[in-house]
Amino acid sequence: MEMAALISRVLTISVLSDIDANSLLGAIAIALLAFVTISVAYITYIDWKDRRRKINQKDKI
């Protein structure tokens, strides 16, 4: 049981050591860029929907 834990720990460390700081920062930057882009698209869509709803309400009154 102790050998399995040791092998698992060594494999985990070797996987994490392959990632350098630049790769990690690059991945975080891409993830943040994607998040911001999707957020802006969503807010734009909601604003467009709200404006359309307001125009339709004015036509009904």
N, C-alpha and C. Protein backbone atom coordinates (compact mmCIF):
# COMPACT_ATOMS: atom_id res chain seq x y z
N MET A 1 0.82 -1.19 0.00
CA MET A 1 0.00 0.00 0.00
C MET A 1 0.87 1.25 0.00
N GLU A 2 1.96 1.20 0.72
CA GLU A 2 2.85 2.35 0.79
C GLU A 2 3.52 2.59 -0.57
N MET A 3 3.82 1.53 -1.30
CA MET A 3 4.46 1.66 -2.60
C MET A 3 3.50 2.32 -3.60
N ALA A 4 2.23 1.97 -3.55
CA ALA A 4 1.23 2.58 -4.46
C ALA A 4 1.10 4.08 -4.19
N ALA A 5 1.11 4.47 -2.94
CA ALA A 5 1.03 5.89 -2.59
C ALA A 5 2.26 6.64 -3.07
N LEU A 6 3.42 6.02 -2.94
CA LEU A 6 4.66 6.64 -3.39
C LEU A 6 4.67 6.81 -4.90
N ILE A 7 4.24 5.79 -5.64
CA ILE A 7 4.19 5.86 -7.11
C ILE A 7 3.19 6.94 -7.54
N SER A 8 2.06 6.98 -6.88
CA SER A 8 1.07 7.99 -7.20
C SER A 8 1.62 9.39 -6.97
N ARG A 9 2.31 9.60 -5.88
CA ARG A 9 2.89 10.90 -5.56
C ARG A 9 3.95 11.29 -6.60
N VAL A 10 4.78 10.34 -7.02
CA VAL A 10 5.82 10.62 -8.01
C VAL A 10 5.19 10.97 -9.35
N LEU A 11 4.14 10.25 -9.76
CA LEU A 11 3.48 10.54 -11.03
C LEU A 11 2.84 11.92 -11.00
N THR A 12 2.23 12.29 -9.89
CA THR A 12 1.61 13.60 -9.77
C THR A 12 2.65 14.71 -9.88
N ILE A 13 3.77 14.53 -9.23
CA ILE A 13 4.82 15.54 -9.27
C ILE A 13 5.40 15.65 -10.67
N SER A 14 5.57 14.54 -11.38
CA SER A 14 6.15 14.59 -12.72
C SER A 14 5.19 15.28 -13.70
N VAL A 15 3.90 15.09 -13.53
CA VAL A 15 2.93 15.77 -14.40
C VAL A 15 2.96 17.26 -14.14
N LEU A 16 3.00 17.67 -12.88
CA LEU A 16 3.01 19.09 -12.55
C LEU A 16 4.33 19.75 -12.91
N SER A 17 5.42 19.01 -12.93
CA SER A 17 6.70 19.63 -13.25
C SER A 17 6.83 19.92 -14.74
N ASP A 18 6.01 19.27 -15.58
CA ASP A 18 6.06 19.54 -17.02
C ASP A 18 5.47 20.91 -17.36
N ILE A 19 4.66 21.46 -16.48
CA ILE A 19 4.03 22.75 -16.72
C ILE A 19 4.92 23.84 -16.14
N ASP A 20 5.40 24.73 -17.02
CA ASP A 20 6.21 25.83 -16.52
C ASP A 20 5.32 27.06 -16.30
N ALA A 21 5.90 28.09 -15.73
CA ALA A 21 5.12 29.28 -15.35
C ALA A 21 4.53 29.97 -16.58
N ASN A 22 5.28 30.02 -17.67
CA ASN A 22 4.77 30.69 -18.88
C ASN A 22 3.57 29.96 -19.47
N SER A 23 3.61 28.65 -19.47
CA SER A 23 2.48 27.87 -19.99
C SER A 23 1.25 28.06 -19.11
N LEU A 24 1.47 28.06 -17.82
CA LEU A 24 0.36 28.25 -16.89
C LEU A 24 -0.25 29.64 -17.06
N LEU A 25 0.58 30.66 -17.13
CA LEU A 25 0.07 32.03 -17.32
C LEU A 25 -0.63 32.17 -18.66
N GLY A 26 -0.10 31.53 -19.69
CA GLY A 26 -0.75 31.57 -21.00
C GLY A 26 -2.12 30.92 -20.98
N ALA A 27 -2.23 29.79 -20.32
CA ALA A 27 -3.52 29.10 -20.22
C ALA A 27 -4.52 29.93 -19.42
N ILE A 28 -4.06 30.55 -18.35
CA ILE A 28 -4.95 31.40 -17.55
C ILE A 28 -5.40 32.61 -18.37
N ALA A 29 -4.49 33.20 -19.13
CA ALA A 29 -4.83 34.37 -19.96
C ALA A 29 -5.87 34.00 -21.02
N ILE A 30 -5.69 32.85 -21.65
CA ILE A 30 -6.66 32.42 -22.67
C ILE A 30 -8.02 32.14 -22.03
N ALA A 31 -8.02 31.52 -20.86
CA ALA A 31 -9.28 31.23 -20.18
C ALA A 31 -10.00 32.53 -19.79
N LEU A 32 -9.25 33.50 -19.28
CA LEU A 32 -9.86 34.78 -18.92
C LEU A 32 -10.39 35.52 -20.15
N LEU A 33 -9.65 35.48 -21.23
CA LEU A 33 -10.09 36.11 -22.47
C LEU A 33 -11.38 35.47 -22.98
N ALA A 34 -11.46 34.17 -22.93
CA ALA A 34 -12.67 33.47 -23.35
C ALA A 34 -13.84 33.82 -22.43
N PHE A 35 -13.59 33.87 -21.13
CA PHE A 35 -14.64 34.22 -20.17
C PHE A 35 -15.17 35.63 -20.42
N VAL A 36 -14.28 36.58 -20.62
CA VAL A 36 -14.70 37.96 -20.86
C VAL A 36 -15.46 38.07 -22.18
N THR A 37 -14.99 37.40 -23.21
CA THR A 37 -15.65 37.45 -24.51
C THR A 37 -17.07 36.88 -24.43
N ILE A 38 -17.21 35.74 -23.77
CA ILE A 38 -18.54 35.13 -23.62
C ILE A 38 -19.44 36.02 -22.76
N SER A 39 -18.88 36.64 -21.72
CA SER A 39 -19.67 37.52 -20.86
C SER A 39 -20.18 38.74 -21.62
N VAL A 40 -19.32 39.34 -22.42
CA VAL A 40 -19.73 40.51 -23.21
C VAL A 40 -20.81 40.12 -24.22
N ALA A 41 -20.65 38.99 -24.87
CA ALA A 41 -21.66 38.53 -25.83
C ALA A 41 -22.99 38.29 -25.12
N TYR A 42 -22.96 37.71 -23.95
CA TYR A 42 -24.19 37.44 -23.20
C TYR A 42 -24.87 38.75 -22.78
N ILE A 43 -24.10 39.69 -22.26
CA ILE A 43 -24.67 40.97 -21.83
C ILE A 43 -25.25 41.73 -23.03
N THR A 44 -24.58 41.67 -24.17
CA THR A 44 -25.08 42.31 -25.38
C THR A 44 -26.39 41.68 -25.82
N TYR A 45 -26.48 40.38 -25.78
CA TYR A 45 -27.70 39.67 -26.16
C TYR A 45 -28.85 40.04 -25.21
N ILE A 46 -28.60 40.06 -23.92
CA ILE A 46 -29.64 40.40 -22.95
C ILE A 46 -30.11 41.84 -23.15
N ASP A 47 -29.18 42.76 -23.41
CA ASP A 47 -29.54 44.15 -23.64
C ASP A 47 -30.39 44.29 -24.90
N TRP A 48 -30.01 43.57 -25.96
CA TRP A 48 -30.78 43.61 -27.20
C TRP A 48 -32.19 43.08 -26.99
N LYS A 49 -32.30 41.98 -26.23
CA LYS A 49 -33.61 41.40 -25.94
C LYS A 49 -34.48 42.36 -25.13
N ASP A 50 -33.86 43.05 -24.17
CA ASP A 50 -34.60 43.99 -23.33
C ASP A 50 -35.07 45.19 -24.15
N ARG A 51 -34.21 45.70 -25.02
CA ARG A 51 -34.61 46.82 -25.87
C ARG A 51 -35.77 46.43 -26.78
N ARG A 52 -35.71 45.23 -27.33
CA ARG A 52 -36.79 44.75 -28.20
C ARG A 52 -38.09 44.61 -27.42
N ARG A 53 -38.00 44.14 -26.17
CA ARG A 53 -39.19 44.01 -25.33
C ARG A 53 -39.80 45.37 -25.04
N LYS A 54 -38.97 46.37 -24.75
CA LYS A 54 -39.47 47.72 -24.47
C LYS A 54 -40.16 48.33 -25.69
N ILE A 55 -39.59 48.11 -26.87
CA ILE A 55 -40.20 48.63 -28.09
C ILE A 55 -41.55 47.96 -28.33
N ASN A 56 -41.63 46.66 -28.09
CA ASN A 56 -42.89 45.94 -28.28
C ASN A 56 -43.93 46.41 -27.27
N GLN A 57 -43.53 46.75 -26.05
CA GLN A 57 -44.48 47.25 -25.05
C GLN A 57 -45.04 48.61 -25.47
N LYS A 58 -44.20 49.48 -26.04
CA LYS A 58 -44.64 50.80 -26.48
C LYS A 58 -45.66 50.67 -27.60
N ASP A 59 -45.45 49.70 -28.49
CA ASP A 59 -46.38 49.50 -29.61
C ASP A 59 -47.74 49.03 -29.12
N LYS A 60 -47.79 48.28 -28.05
CA LYS A 60 -49.05 47.74 -27.53
C LYS A 60 -49.87 48.80 -26.79
N ILE A 61 -49.19 49.80 -26.27
CA ILE A 61 -49.89 50.82 -25.46
C ILE A 61 -50.50 51.88 -26.33
